[in-house]
Amino acid sequence: MSKQLQRNLKKQVSPYEGPDLKSSITQLITTFIPFLLLWFLAYQSLSISYFITLPITILAAFFLVRMFIIFHDCCHYSFFKNRTANKVVGTITGIFTLFPFSQWQHDHSIHHATSGNLDKRGTGDIWVLTVDEYLAQPLWGKIKYRLYRNPFIMFGLGPIYQFLIKNRFNKPGARRPERINTYLTNVAIVVLIALFCWLLGTVPFLLVQVPIFLISGSIGIWLFYVQHTFEDSYYEKNDEWEYVMAAVEGSSFYKLPKFLQWLSGNIGYHHVHHLSPRVPNYKLEDAHNNTQPLQHVPTITLSTSLKSLKFRLWDTQAKKFVGFNQLSKLQK
């Protein structure tokens, strides 16, 4: 894709940039109210049967994912025109989803600026090694990488690590506003948990809240994983790396059923989001449908996305993801 075509593509998407206040407020209402109602129903159902509670928590978890998408848009200042409004709503939704606003905003901006860049991996992304890098690892390095890429660890233990450890601490060198925002988020989370444990009882609270967070966390990690881990993705050395190419070839169009698309805040249109982070989530579909070149981006579905579970390493020669089971062939 020539430089001119890349510039034209960004220009075609630019009319969809910028929030619509009515749509943003509507999304807040249709996310928070159902989530709180489902949480209340799950709590009430504890007195009947936990087999009733669990399905309700699963649906509530999807609304928490939808809440995270609002948080995500606020981090890009694309949910409201006013930056302060984005920070306030972003911090509140960050408390609900256990993500410190400023800390995650910083890491995620780096992810957008470096996605698919082999020379700038390591911040805000999923750990990816090339075939050569993996083969050069000592035994313990290979074991760690295999454990990390194991689906049970990534999607099972991953949310626990994300919520309880990674999000709770500032990175060395974090600026003062970022540190304060993390402290504020942590304190607010502790106060809310203590309050609800006092009002409802510790065990009932945990029986509702723990599955919601584990399920929503697993869904969130899966969405992020599958939107960048597909066979013919995009990874290049810094000298060859191009932002637009990384967006449209290294971010997938995850074509979901309409209800799941709505629950996930249209984040399946990830190629549009990476092309222009200023497009709010409720405009992503229109931007995709009305931009002809985007009709040919990598597309995956619920069924085909399961194939991504076998992709473990990036083959720089073939320019595609491969599995551990293909290493013997590659070494010959």
C-alpha atoms as a PDB file:
ATOM      1  CA  MET A   1       0.000   0.000   0.000  1.00  0.00           C
ATOM      2  CA  SER A   2       1.544   3.294  -1.098  1.00  0.00           C
ATOM      3  CA  LYS A   3       1.944   6.268   1.221  1.00  0.00           C
ATOM      4  CA  GLN A   4      -0.710   8.133  -0.740  1.00  0.00           C
ATOM      5  CA  LEU A   5      -3.226   5.298  -0.359  1.00  0.00           C
ATOM      6  CA  GLN A   6      -2.489   5.157   3.359  1.00  0.00           C
ATOM      7  CA  ARG A   7      -3.132   8.880   3.726  1.00  0.00           C
ATOM      8  CA  ASN A   8      -6.354   8.566   1.704  1.00  0.00           C
ATOM      9  CA  LEU A   9      -7.541   5.711   3.909  1.00  0.00           C
ATOM     10  CA  LYS A  10      -7.058   7.748   7.066  1.00  0.00           C
ATOM     11  CA  LYS A  11      -8.831  10.664   5.410  1.00  0.00           C
ATOM     12  CA  GLN A  12     -11.811   8.458   4.514  1.00  0.00           C
ATOM     13  CA  VAL A  13     -12.229   7.426   8.152  1.00  0.00           C
ATOM     14  CA  SER A  14     -11.762  10.920   9.603  1.00  0.00           C
ATOM     15  CA  PRO A  15     -15.476  11.965   9.241  1.00  0.00           C
ATOM     16  CA  TYR A  16     -16.330   9.367  11.892  1.00  0.00           C
ATOM     17  CA  GLU A  17     -13.907  10.755  14.426  1.00  0.00           C
ATOM     18  CA  GLY A  18     -15.266  12.594  17.421  1.00  0.00           C
ATOM     19  CA  PRO A  19     -18.034  11.699  19.877  1.00  0.00           C
ATOM     20  CA  ASP A  20     -21.760  12.307  19.768  1.00  0.00           C
ATOM     21  CA  LEU A  21     -22.965  13.334  23.229  1.00  0.00           C
ATOM     22  CA  LYS A  22     -26.394  11.713  22.884  1.00  0.00           C
ATOM     23  CA  SER A  23     -24.887   8.399  21.785  1.00  0.00           C
ATOM     24  CA  SER A  24     -22.333   8.466  24.591  1.00  0.00           C
ATOM     25  CA  ILE A  25     -24.946   9.140  27.274  1.00  0.00           C
ATOM     26  CA  THR A  26     -27.228   6.470  25.801  1.00  0.00           C
ATOM     27  CA  GLN A  27     -24.391   3.972  25.949  1.00  0.00           C
ATOM     28  CA  LEU A  28     -23.673   4.846  29.568  1.00  0.00           C
ATOM     29  CA  ILE A  29     -27.339   4.269  30.470  1.00  0.00           C
ATOM     30  CA  THR A  30     -27.641   1.013  28.495  1.00  0.00           C
ATOM     31  CA  THR A  31     -24.477  -0.299  30.141  1.00  0.00           C
ATOM     32  CA  PHE A  32     -24.562   0.751  33.787  1.00  0.00           C
ATOM     33  CA  ILE A  33     -28.272   0.168  34.469  1.00  0.00           C
ATOM     34  CA  PRO A  34     -28.370  -3.396  33.043  1.00  0.00           C
ATOM     35  CA  PHE A  35     -25.111  -4.235  34.848  1.00  0.00           C
ATOM     36  CA  LEU A  36     -26.405  -3.021  38.213  1.00  0.00           C
ATOM     37  CA  LEU A  37     -29.769  -4.749  37.713  1.00  0.00           C
ATOM     38  CA  LEU A  38     -28.085  -8.027  36.791  1.00  0.00           C
ATOM     39  CA  TRP A  39     -25.788  -7.737  39.795  1.00  0.00           C
ATOM     40  CA  PHE A  40     -28.817  -7.241  42.055  1.00  0.00           C
ATOM     41  CA  LEU A  41     -30.656 -10.185  40.450  1.00  0.00           C
ATOM     42  CA  ALA A  42     -27.607 -12.409  40.885  1.00  0.00           C
ATOM     43  CA  TYR A  43     -27.432 -11.477  44.553  1.00  0.00           C
ATOM     44  CA  GLN A  44     -31.153 -12.121  45.064  1.00  0.00           C
ATOM     45  CA  SER A  45     -30.908 -15.484  43.303  1.00  0.00           C
ATOM     46  CA  LEU A  46     -28.369 -16.730  45.857  1.00  0.00           C
ATOM     47  CA  SER A  47     -31.273 -17.540  48.187  1.00  0.00           C
ATOM     48  CA  ILE A  48     -32.776 -19.809  45.503  1.00  0.00           C
ATOM     49  CA  SER A  49     -29.903 -21.623  43.766  1.00  0.00           C
ATOM     50  CA  TYR A  50     -26.383 -20.866  42.650  1.00  0.00           C
ATOM     51  CA  PHE A  51     -27.254 -22.587  39.363  1.00  0.00           C
ATOM     52  CA  ILE A  52     -29.499 -19.583  38.722  1.00  0.00           C
ATOM     53  CA  THR A  53     -26.873 -17.121  39.923  1.00  0.00           C
ATOM     54  CA  LEU A  54     -24.093 -18.257  37.585  1.00  0.00           C
ATOM     55  CA  PRO A  55     -25.933 -17.630  34.278  1.00  0.00           C
ATOM     56  CA  ILE A  56     -26.849 -14.149  35.521  1.00  0.00           C
ATOM     57  CA  THR A  57     -23.206 -13.424  36.400  1.00  0.00           C
ATOM     58  CA  ILE A  58     -22.163 -14.504  32.886  1.00  0.00           C
ATOM     59  CA  LEU A  59     -24.502 -11.943  31.327  1.00  0.00           C
ATOM     60  CA  ALA A  60     -23.380  -9.320  33.854  1.00  0.00           C
ATOM     61  CA  ALA A  61     -19.774 -10.065  32.863  1.00  0.00           C
ATOM     62  CA  PHE A  62     -20.549  -9.123  29.262  1.00  0.00           C
ATOM     63  CA  PHE A  63     -21.950  -5.793  30.423  1.00  0.00           C
ATOM     64  CA  LEU A  64     -18.752  -5.251  32.392  1.00  0.00           C
ATOM     65  CA  VAL A  65     -16.846  -5.837  29.132  1.00  0.00           C
ATOM     66  CA  ARG A  66     -19.098  -3.204  27.545  1.00  0.00           C
ATOM     67  CA  MET A  67     -18.233  -0.893  30.434  1.00  0.00           C
ATOM     68  CA  PHE A  68     -14.549  -1.497  29.753  1.00  0.00           C
ATOM     69  CA  ILE A  69     -15.055  -0.373  26.146  1.00  0.00           C
ATOM     70  CA  ILE A  70     -16.403   2.928  27.487  1.00  0.00           C
ATOM     71  CA  PHE A  71     -13.321   3.150  29.709  1.00  0.00           C
ATOM     72  CA  HIS A  72     -11.204   2.358  26.661  1.00  0.00           C
ATOM     73  CA  ASP A  73     -12.792   5.148  24.601  1.00  0.00           C
ATOM     74  CA  CYS A  74     -12.309   7.588  27.461  1.00  0.00           C
ATOM     75  CA  CYS A  75      -8.594   6.715  27.441  1.00  0.00           C
ATOM     76  CA  HIS A  76      -8.496   7.819  23.796  1.00  0.00           C
ATOM     77  CA  TYR A  77     -10.549  10.963  24.605  1.00  0.00           C
ATOM     78  CA  SER A  78     -13.084   9.745  22.048  1.00  0.00           C
ATOM     79  CA  PHE A  79     -16.123   9.272  24.306  1.00  0.00           C
ATOM     80  CA  PHE A  80     -16.643  12.954  25.146  1.00  0.00           C
ATOM     81  CA  LYS A  81     -15.349  16.134  23.552  1.00  0.00           C
ATOM     82  CA  ASN A  82     -14.357  17.455  26.966  1.00  0.00           C
ATOM     83  CA  ARG A  83     -11.089  15.917  28.179  1.00  0.00           C
ATOM     84  CA  THR A  84     -12.047  16.286  31.843  1.00  0.00           C
ATOM     85  CA  ALA A  85     -15.299  14.400  31.234  1.00  0.00           C
ATOM     86  CA  ASN A  86     -13.294  11.590  29.663  1.00  0.00           C
ATOM     87  CA  LYS A  87     -10.964  11.479  32.654  1.00  0.00           C
ATOM     88  CA  VAL A  88     -13.810  11.458  35.198  1.00  0.00           C
ATOM     89  CA  VAL A  89     -15.906   8.803  33.449  1.00  0.00           C
ATOM     90  CA  GLY A  90     -12.730   6.886  32.609  1.00  0.00           C
ATOM     91  CA  THR A  91     -11.678   6.841  36.252  1.00  0.00           C
ATOM     92  CA  ILE A  92     -15.147   5.726  37.415  1.00  0.00           C
ATOM     93  CA  THR A  93     -15.398   2.943  34.837  1.00  0.00           C
ATOM     94  CA  GLY A  94     -11.799   2.064  35.700  1.00  0.00           C
ATOM     95  CA  ILE A  95     -12.835   1.521  39.318  1.00  0.00           C
ATOM     96  CA  PHE A  96     -15.639  -0.809  38.217  1.00  0.00           C
ATOM     97  CA  THR A  97     -13.326  -2.747  35.880  1.00  0.00           C
ATOM     98  CA  LEU A  98     -10.242  -2.545  38.174  1.00  0.00           C
ATOM     99  CA  PHE A  99      -8.140  -0.622  35.652  1.00  0.00           C
ATOM    100  CA  PRO A 100      -6.376   2.602  36.747  1.00  0.00           C
ATOM    101  CA  PHE A 101      -7.244   5.151  34.059  1.00  0.00           C
ATOM    102  CA  SER A 102      -3.943   7.021  33.666  1.00  0.00           C
ATOM    103  CA  GLN A 103      -1.737   3.958  33.951  1.00  0.00           C
ATOM    104  CA  TRP A 104      -3.660   1.968  31.351  1.00  0.00           C
ATOM    105  CA  GLN A 105      -4.016   4.996  29.093  1.00  0.00           C
ATOM    106  CA  HIS A 106      -0.233   5.384  29.016  1.00  0.00           C
ATOM    107  CA  ASP A 107       0.454   1.718  28.221  1.00  0.00           C
ATOM    108  CA  HIS A 108      -2.331   1.516  25.669  1.00  0.00           C
ATOM    109  CA  SER A 109      -1.119   4.577  23.782  1.00  0.00           C
ATOM    110  CA  ILE A 110       2.248   2.847  23.431  1.00  0.00           C
ATOM    111  CA  HIS A 111       0.466  -0.257  22.153  1.00  0.00           C
ATOM    112  CA  HIS A 112      -1.188   1.791  19.408  1.00  0.00           C
ATOM    113  CA  ALA A 113       2.086   3.444  18.464  1.00  0.00           C
ATOM    114  CA  THR A 114       4.047   0.169  18.304  1.00  0.00           C
ATOM    115  CA  SER A 115       1.569  -2.619  17.451  1.00  0.00           C
ATOM    116  CA  GLY A 116       3.231  -5.017  15.018  1.00  0.00           C
ATOM    117  CA  ASN A 117       6.661  -3.394  15.441  1.00  0.00           C
ATOM    118  CA  LEU A 118       9.167  -6.179  16.174  1.00  0.00           C
ATOM    119  CA  ASP A 119      11.673  -3.704  17.609  1.00  0.00           C
ATOM    120  CA  LYS A 120       9.239  -2.079  20.048  1.00  0.00           C
ATOM    121  CA  ARG A 121       7.415  -4.917  21.767  1.00  0.00           C
ATOM    122  CA  GLY A 122       6.734  -5.217  25.473  1.00  0.00           C
ATOM    123  CA  THR A 123       4.321  -2.471  26.538  1.00  0.00           C
ATOM    124  CA  GLY A 124       0.557  -2.880  26.419  1.00  0.00           C
ATOM    125  CA  ASP A 125       0.719  -5.975  24.242  1.00  0.00           C
ATOM    126  CA  ILE A 126       0.727  -9.769  24.441  1.00  0.00           C
ATOM    127  CA  TRP A 127       4.142 -11.417  24.701  1.00  0.00           C
ATOM    128  CA  VAL A 128       5.115 -12.600  21.208  1.00  0.00           C
ATOM    129  CA  LEU A 129       8.417 -14.229  20.274  1.00  0.00           C
ATOM    130  CA  THR A 130       9.644 -14.922  16.777  1.00  0.00           C
ATOM    131  CA  VAL A 131      10.688 -18.474  15.867  1.00  0.00           C
ATOM    132  CA  ASP A 132      14.379 -17.514  16.003  1.00  0.00           C
ATOM    133  CA  GLU A 133      13.978 -15.761  19.357  1.00  0.00           C
ATOM    134  CA  TYR A 134      12.235 -18.781  20.841  1.00  0.00           C
ATOM    135  CA  LEU A 135      14.872 -21.216  19.577  1.00  0.00           C
ATOM    136  CA  ALA A 136      17.600 -19.016  21.076  1.00  0.00           C
ATOM    137  CA  GLN A 137      15.962 -19.096  24.518  1.00  0.00           C
ATOM    138  CA  PRO A 138      17.459 -21.232  27.299  1.00  0.00           C
ATOM    139  CA  LEU A 139      15.308 -24.108  28.566  1.00  0.00           C
ATOM    140  CA  TRP A 140      13.697 -22.015  31.341  1.00  0.00           C
ATOM    141  CA  GLY A 141      12.923 -19.231  28.861  1.00  0.00           C
ATOM    142  CA  LYS A 142      11.148 -21.692  26.583  1.00  0.00           C
ATOM    143  CA  ILE A 143       9.187 -23.139  29.513  1.00  0.00           C
ATOM    144  CA  LYS A 144       8.092 -19.657  30.648  1.00  0.00           C
ATOM    145  CA  TYR A 145       6.959 -18.736  27.160  1.00  0.00           C
ATOM    146  CA  ARG A 146       5.042 -21.988  26.714  1.00  0.00           C
ATOM    147  CA  LEU A 147       3.352 -21.484  30.076  1.00  0.00           C
ATOM    148  CA  TYR A 148       2.453 -17.897  29.200  1.00  0.00           C
ATOM    149  CA  ARG A 149       0.923 -18.934  25.868  1.00  0.00           C
ATOM    150  CA  ASN A 150      -1.003 -21.830  27.399  1.00  0.00           C
ATOM    151  CA  PRO A 151      -4.746 -21.020  27.025  1.00  0.00           C
ATOM    152  CA  PHE A 152      -5.583 -22.164  30.563  1.00  0.00           C
ATOM    153  CA  ILE A 153      -2.985 -19.798  32.009  1.00  0.00           C
ATOM    154  CA  MET A 154      -3.561 -16.891  29.621  1.00  0.00           C
ATOM    155  CA  PHE A 155      -7.357 -16.875  29.867  1.00  0.00           C
ATOM    156  CA  GLY A 156      -7.727 -18.480  33.294  1.00  0.00           C
ATOM    157  CA  LEU A 157      -4.961 -17.123  35.510  1.00  0.00           C
ATOM    158  CA  GLY A 158      -4.378 -14.086  33.286  1.00  0.00           C
ATOM    159  CA  PRO A 159      -7.334 -12.081  34.649  1.00  0.00           C
ATOM    160  CA  ILE A 160      -6.265 -12.810  38.242  1.00  0.00           C
ATOM    161  CA  TYR A 161      -2.754 -11.537  37.569  1.00  0.00           C
ATOM    162  CA  GLN A 162      -4.107  -8.538  35.660  1.00  0.00           C
ATOM    163  CA  PHE A 163      -6.580  -7.468  38.352  1.00  0.00           C
ATOM    164  CA  LEU A 164      -4.753  -8.315  41.575  1.00  0.00           C
ATOM    165  CA  ILE A 165      -1.126  -7.593  40.665  1.00  0.00           C
ATOM    166  CA  LYS A 166      -0.360  -5.754  37.433  1.00  0.00           C
ATOM    167  CA  ASN A 167      -3.043  -3.060  37.695  1.00  0.00           C
ATOM    168  CA  ARG A 168      -2.424  -2.316  41.341  1.00  0.00           C
ATOM    169  CA  PHE A 169       1.097  -0.954  41.087  1.00  0.00           C
ATOM    170  CA  ASN A 170       2.682   1.943  39.242  1.00  0.00           C
ATOM    171  CA  LYS A 171       5.607   1.294  36.956  1.00  0.00           C
ATOM    172  CA  PRO A 172       9.008   2.802  37.803  1.00  0.00           C
ATOM    173  CA  GLY A 173       9.214   6.305  36.404  1.00  0.00           C
ATOM    174  CA  ALA A 174       5.449   6.862  36.325  1.00  0.00           C
ATOM    175  CA  ARG A 175       4.554  10.537  36.527  1.00  0.00           C
ATOM    176  CA  ARG A 176       2.876  11.973  39.601  1.00  0.00           C
ATOM    177  CA  PRO A 177      -0.667  12.329  38.081  1.00  0.00           C
ATOM    178  CA  GLU A 178      -0.503   8.695  36.947  1.00  0.00           C
ATOM    179  CA  ARG A 179       0.648   7.520  40.395  1.00  0.00           C
ATOM    180  CA  ILE A 180      -2.101   9.496  42.123  1.00  0.00           C
ATOM    181  CA  ASN A 181      -4.755   8.105  39.782  1.00  0.00           C
ATOM    182  CA  THR A 182      -3.608   4.549  40.537  1.00  0.00           C
ATOM    183  CA  TYR A 183      -3.703   5.209  44.299  1.00  0.00           C
ATOM    184  CA  LEU A 184      -7.162   6.800  43.991  1.00  0.00           C
ATOM    185  CA  THR A 185      -8.462   3.830  42.003  1.00  0.00           C
ATOM    186  CA  ASN A 186      -7.038   1.325  44.482  1.00  0.00           C
ATOM    187  CA  VAL A 187      -8.495   3.144  47.486  1.00  0.00           C
ATOM    188  CA  ALA A 188     -11.910   3.454  45.822  1.00  0.00           C
ATOM    189  CA  ILE A 189     -11.914  -0.269  44.998  1.00  0.00           C
ATOM    190  CA  VAL A 190     -11.039  -1.231  48.583  1.00  0.00           C
ATOM    191  CA  VAL A 191     -13.715   1.092  49.990  1.00  0.00           C
ATOM    192  CA  LEU A 192     -16.399  -0.257  47.634  1.00  0.00           C
ATOM    193  CA  ILE A 193     -15.517  -3.889  48.365  1.00  0.00           C
ATOM    194  CA  ALA A 194     -15.493  -3.250  52.120  1.00  0.00           C
ATOM    195  CA  LEU A 195     -18.827  -1.421  51.898  1.00  0.00           C
ATOM    196  CA  PHE A 196     -20.566  -4.186  49.936  1.00  0.00           C
ATOM    197  CA  CYS A 197     -19.088  -6.909  52.129  1.00  0.00           C
ATOM    198  CA  TRP A 198     -20.451  -5.057  55.152  1.00  0.00           C
ATOM    199  CA  LEU A 199     -23.880  -4.499  53.598  1.00  0.00           C
ATOM    200  CA  LEU A 200     -24.368  -7.882  51.903  1.00  0.00           C
ATOM    201  CA  GLY A 201     -21.933 -10.192  53.645  1.00  0.00           C
ATOM    202  CA  THR A 202     -18.485 -11.220  52.432  1.00  0.00           C
ATOM    203  CA  VAL A 203     -19.458 -14.638  51.072  1.00  0.00           C
ATOM    204  CA  PRO A 204     -22.557 -13.482  49.117  1.00  0.00           C
ATOM    205  CA  PHE A 205     -20.590 -10.571  47.663  1.00  0.00           C
ATOM    206  CA  LEU A 206     -17.749 -12.828  46.515  1.00  0.00           C
ATOM    207  CA  LEU A 207     -20.119 -15.436  45.101  1.00  0.00           C
ATOM    208  CA  VAL A 208     -21.492 -12.776  42.751  1.00  0.00           C
ATOM    209  CA  GLN A 209     -18.473 -10.576  42.100  1.00  0.00           C
ATOM    210  CA  VAL A 210     -15.726 -13.171  41.611  1.00  0.00           C
ATOM    211  CA  PRO A 211     -17.326 -14.996  38.637  1.00  0.00           C
ATOM    212  CA  ILE A 212     -18.236 -11.659  37.030  1.00  0.00           C
ATOM    213  CA  PHE A 213     -14.633 -10.494  37.131  1.00  0.00           C
ATOM    214  CA  LEU A 214     -13.106 -13.823  36.128  1.00  0.00           C
ATOM    215  CA  ILE A 215     -15.481 -14.239  33.176  1.00  0.00           C
ATOM    216  CA  SER A 216     -15.239 -10.623  32.011  1.00  0.00           C
ATOM    217  CA  GLY A 217     -11.459 -10.750  32.369  1.00  0.00           C
ATOM    218  CA  SER A 218     -11.227 -13.917  30.289  1.00  0.00           C
ATOM    219  CA  ILE A 219     -13.488 -12.404  27.615  1.00  0.00           C
ATOM    220  CA  GLY A 220     -11.433  -9.216  27.558  1.00  0.00           C
ATOM    221  CA  ILE A 221      -8.112 -11.026  27.193  1.00  0.00           C
ATOM    222  CA  TRP A 222      -9.600 -13.255  24.493  1.00  0.00           C
ATOM    223  CA  LEU A 223     -10.831 -10.262  22.501  1.00  0.00           C
ATOM    224  CA  PHE A 224      -7.463  -8.536  22.714  1.00  0.00           C
ATOM    225  CA  TYR A 225      -5.626 -11.761  21.862  1.00  0.00           C
ATOM    226  CA  VAL A 226      -7.716 -12.791  18.864  1.00  0.00           C
ATOM    227  CA  GLN A 227      -7.720  -9.302  17.359  1.00  0.00           C
ATOM    228  CA  HIS A 228      -3.933  -9.396  16.958  1.00  0.00           C
ATOM    229  CA  THR A 229      -3.199 -13.126  16.782  1.00  0.00           C
ATOM    230  CA  PHE A 230      -4.324 -14.539  13.481  1.00  0.00           C
ATOM    231  CA  GLU A 231      -2.288 -16.424  10.893  1.00  0.00           C
ATOM    232  CA  ASP A 232      -1.461 -13.658   8.409  1.00  0.00           C
ATOM    233  CA  SER A 233      -1.038 -10.819  10.865  1.00  0.00           C
ATOM    234  CA  TYR A 234       1.479  -7.990  10.523  1.00  0.00           C
ATOM    235  CA  TYR A 235       4.903  -7.740  12.156  1.00  0.00           C
ATOM    236  CA  GLU A 236       7.838  -5.819  10.738  1.00  0.00           C
ATOM    237  CA  LYS A 237      11.161  -4.414  11.887  1.00  0.00           C
ATOM    238  CA  ASN A 238      11.074  -0.720  12.742  1.00  0.00           C
ATOM    239  CA  ASP A 239      12.604   0.366   9.410  1.00  0.00           C
ATOM    240  CA  GLU A 240       9.817  -1.389   7.471  1.00  0.00           C
ATOM    241  CA  TRP A 241       6.965  -0.835   9.939  1.00  0.00           C
ATOM    242  CA  GLU A 242       4.060   1.405   8.861  1.00  0.00           C
ATOM    243  CA  TYR A 243       1.252   2.583  11.131  1.00  0.00           C
ATOM    244  CA  VAL A 244      -1.614   2.194   8.640  1.00  0.00           C
ATOM    245  CA  MET A 245      -0.437  -1.245   7.516  1.00  0.00           C
ATOM    246  CA  ALA A 246      -0.178  -2.357  11.153  1.00  0.00           C
ATOM    247  CA  ALA A 247      -3.751  -1.166  11.688  1.00  0.00           C
ATOM    248  CA  VAL A 248      -5.454  -2.739   8.674  1.00  0.00           C
ATOM    249  CA  GLU A 249      -3.331  -5.892   8.391  1.00  0.00           C
ATOM    250  CA  GLY A 250      -2.268  -6.452  11.994  1.00  0.00           C
ATOM    251  CA  SER A 251      -5.697  -5.857  13.579  1.00  0.00           C
ATOM    252  CA  SER A 252      -8.547  -8.143  12.628  1.00  0.00           C
ATOM    253  CA  PHE A 253     -12.207  -7.603  11.882  1.00  0.00           C
ATOM    254  CA  TYR A 254     -13.815  -9.962  14.409  1.00  0.00           C
ATOM    255  CA  LYS A 255     -17.220 -10.503  12.828  1.00  0.00           C
ATOM    256  CA  LEU A 256     -19.509 -11.350  15.733  1.00  0.00           C
ATOM    257  CA  PRO A 257     -23.266 -11.993  15.944  1.00  0.00           C
ATOM    258  CA  LYS A 258     -25.048  -8.676  16.416  1.00  0.00           C
ATOM    259  CA  PHE A 259     -25.869  -9.161  20.104  1.00  0.00           C
ATOM    260  CA  LEU A 260     -22.279 -10.096  20.968  1.00  0.00           C
ATOM    261  CA  GLN A 261     -21.082  -7.206  18.820  1.00  0.00           C
ATOM    262  CA  TRP A 262     -23.288  -4.856  20.863  1.00  0.00           C
ATOM    263  CA  LEU A 263     -22.194  -6.341  24.204  1.00  0.00           C
ATOM    264  CA  SER A 264     -18.536  -6.005  23.234  1.00  0.00           C
ATOM    265  CA  GLY A 265     -18.928  -2.379  22.190  1.00  0.00           C
ATOM    266  CA  ASN A 266     -18.140  -3.042  18.506  1.00  0.00           C
ATOM    267  CA  ILE A 267     -14.511  -3.696  19.413  1.00  0.00           C
ATOM    268  CA  GLY A 268     -14.493  -6.442  16.775  1.00  0.00           C
ATOM    269  CA  TYR A 269     -13.958  -3.594  14.281  1.00  0.00           C
ATOM    270  CA  HIS A 270     -10.478  -3.421  15.698  1.00  0.00           C
ATOM    271  CA  HIS A 271      -8.853  -2.497  12.407  1.00  0.00           C
ATOM    272  CA  VAL A 272     -10.902   0.712  12.305  1.00  0.00           C
ATOM    273  CA  HIS A 273     -10.037   1.486  15.904  1.00  0.00           C
ATOM    274  CA  HIS A 274      -6.302   1.089  15.266  1.00  0.00           C
ATOM    275  CA  LEU A 275      -6.530   3.124  12.090  1.00  0.00           C
ATOM    276  CA  SER A 276      -8.174   5.975  14.014  1.00  0.00           C
ATOM    277  CA  PRO A 277      -8.494   5.695  17.825  1.00  0.00           C
ATOM    278  CA  ARG A 278     -10.545   8.904  17.850  1.00  0.00           C
ATOM    279  CA  VAL A 279     -13.527   7.069  16.320  1.00  0.00           C
ATOM    280  CA  PRO A 280     -15.844   6.196  19.262  1.00  0.00           C
ATOM    281  CA  ASN A 281     -16.928   2.578  19.508  1.00  0.00           C
ATOM    282  CA  TYR A 282     -20.511   3.294  18.370  1.00  0.00           C
ATOM    283  CA  LYS A 283     -19.232   4.701  15.044  1.00  0.00           C
ATOM    284  CA  LEU A 284     -16.794   1.895  14.216  1.00  0.00           C
ATOM    285  CA  GLU A 285     -19.307  -0.177  12.248  1.00  0.00           C
ATOM    286  CA  ASP A 286     -20.367   2.771  10.081  1.00  0.00           C
ATOM    287  CA  ALA A 287     -16.740   3.676   9.426  1.00  0.00           C
ATOM    288  CA  HIS A 288     -16.048   0.102   8.321  1.00  0.00           C
ATOM    289  CA  ASN A 289     -19.152  -0.232   6.143  1.00  0.00           C
ATOM    290  CA  ASN A 290     -18.621   3.078   4.372  1.00  0.00           C
ATOM    291  CA  THR A 291     -14.883   2.771   3.710  1.00  0.00           C
ATOM    292  CA  GLN A 292     -14.367   0.496   0.721  1.00  0.00           C
ATOM    293  CA  PRO A 293     -10.701  -0.515   1.313  1.00  0.00           C
ATOM    294  CA  LEU A 294     -11.652  -1.781   4.788  1.00  0.00           C
ATOM    295  CA  GLN A 295     -13.929  -4.420   3.259  1.00  0.00           C
ATOM    296  CA  HIS A 296     -10.843  -6.498   2.478  1.00  0.00           C
ATOM    297  CA  VAL A 297      -9.110  -6.551   5.867  1.00  0.00           C
ATOM    298  CA  PRO A 298      -8.435  -9.866   7.676  1.00  0.00           C
ATOM    299  CA  THR A 299     -11.809 -11.166   8.868  1.00  0.00           C
ATOM    300  CA  ILE A 300     -12.397 -13.834  11.499  1.00  0.00           C
ATOM    301  CA  THR A 301     -15.573 -15.303  12.980  1.00  0.00           C
ATOM    302  CA  LEU A 302     -16.433 -17.088  16.221  1.00  0.00           C
ATOM    303  CA  SER A 303     -15.584 -20.444  14.662  1.00  0.00           C
ATOM    304  CA  THR A 304     -12.457 -19.441  12.764  1.00  0.00           C
ATOM    305  CA  SER A 305     -11.113 -17.433  15.700  1.00  0.00           C
ATOM    306  CA  LEU A 306     -10.588 -20.671  17.640  1.00  0.00           C
ATOM    307  CA  LYS A 307      -7.718 -21.453  15.261  1.00  0.00           C
ATOM    308  CA  SER A 308      -5.761 -18.615  16.864  1.00  0.00           C
ATOM    309  CA  LEU A 309      -5.236 -20.809  19.937  1.00  0.00           C
ATOM    310  CA  LYS A 310      -2.619 -22.807  18.019  1.00  0.00           C
ATOM    311  CA  PHE A 311      -0.653 -19.723  16.923  1.00  0.00           C
ATOM    312  CA  ARG A 312       2.324 -19.281  19.247  1.00  0.00           C
ATOM    313  CA  LEU A 313       5.292 -17.820  17.361  1.00  0.00           C
ATOM    314  CA  TRP A 314       5.846 -15.325  14.572  1.00  0.00           C
ATOM    315  CA  ASP A 315       7.702 -16.714  11.572  1.00  0.00           C
ATOM    316  CA  THR A 316       9.632 -13.753  10.128  1.00  0.00           C
ATOM    317  CA  GLN A 317      10.445 -15.672   6.944  1.00  0.00           C
ATOM    318  CA  ALA A 318       6.896 -16.731   6.046  1.00  0.00           C
ATOM    319  CA  LYS A 319       5.403 -13.665   7.768  1.00  0.00           C
ATOM    320  CA  LYS A 320       2.744 -15.603   9.622  1.00  0.00           C
ATOM    321  CA  PHE A 321       2.000 -17.148  13.017  1.00  0.00           C
ATOM    322  CA  VAL A 322       2.935 -20.777  13.551  1.00  0.00           C
ATOM    323  CA  GLY A 323       2.449 -23.306  16.339  1.00  0.00           C
ATOM    324  CA  PHE A 324       5.008 -25.101  18.479  1.00  0.00           C
ATOM    325  CA  ASN A 325       4.251 -28.287  16.532  1.00  0.00           C
ATOM    326  CA  GLN A 326       5.701 -26.696  13.374  1.00  0.00           C
ATOM    327  CA  LEU A 327       9.115 -25.990  14.886  1.00  0.00           C
ATOM    328  CA  SER A 328      10.629 -29.288  13.799  1.00  0.00           C
ATOM    329  CA  LYS A 329       9.794 -28.514  10.158  1.00  0.00           C
ATOM    330  CA  LEU A 330      11.158 -24.987  10.419  1.00  0.00           C
ATOM    331  CA  GLN A 331      14.464 -26.212  11.876  1.00  0.00           C
ATOM    332  CA  LYS A 332      15.167 -28.556   8.948  1.00  0.00           C
END
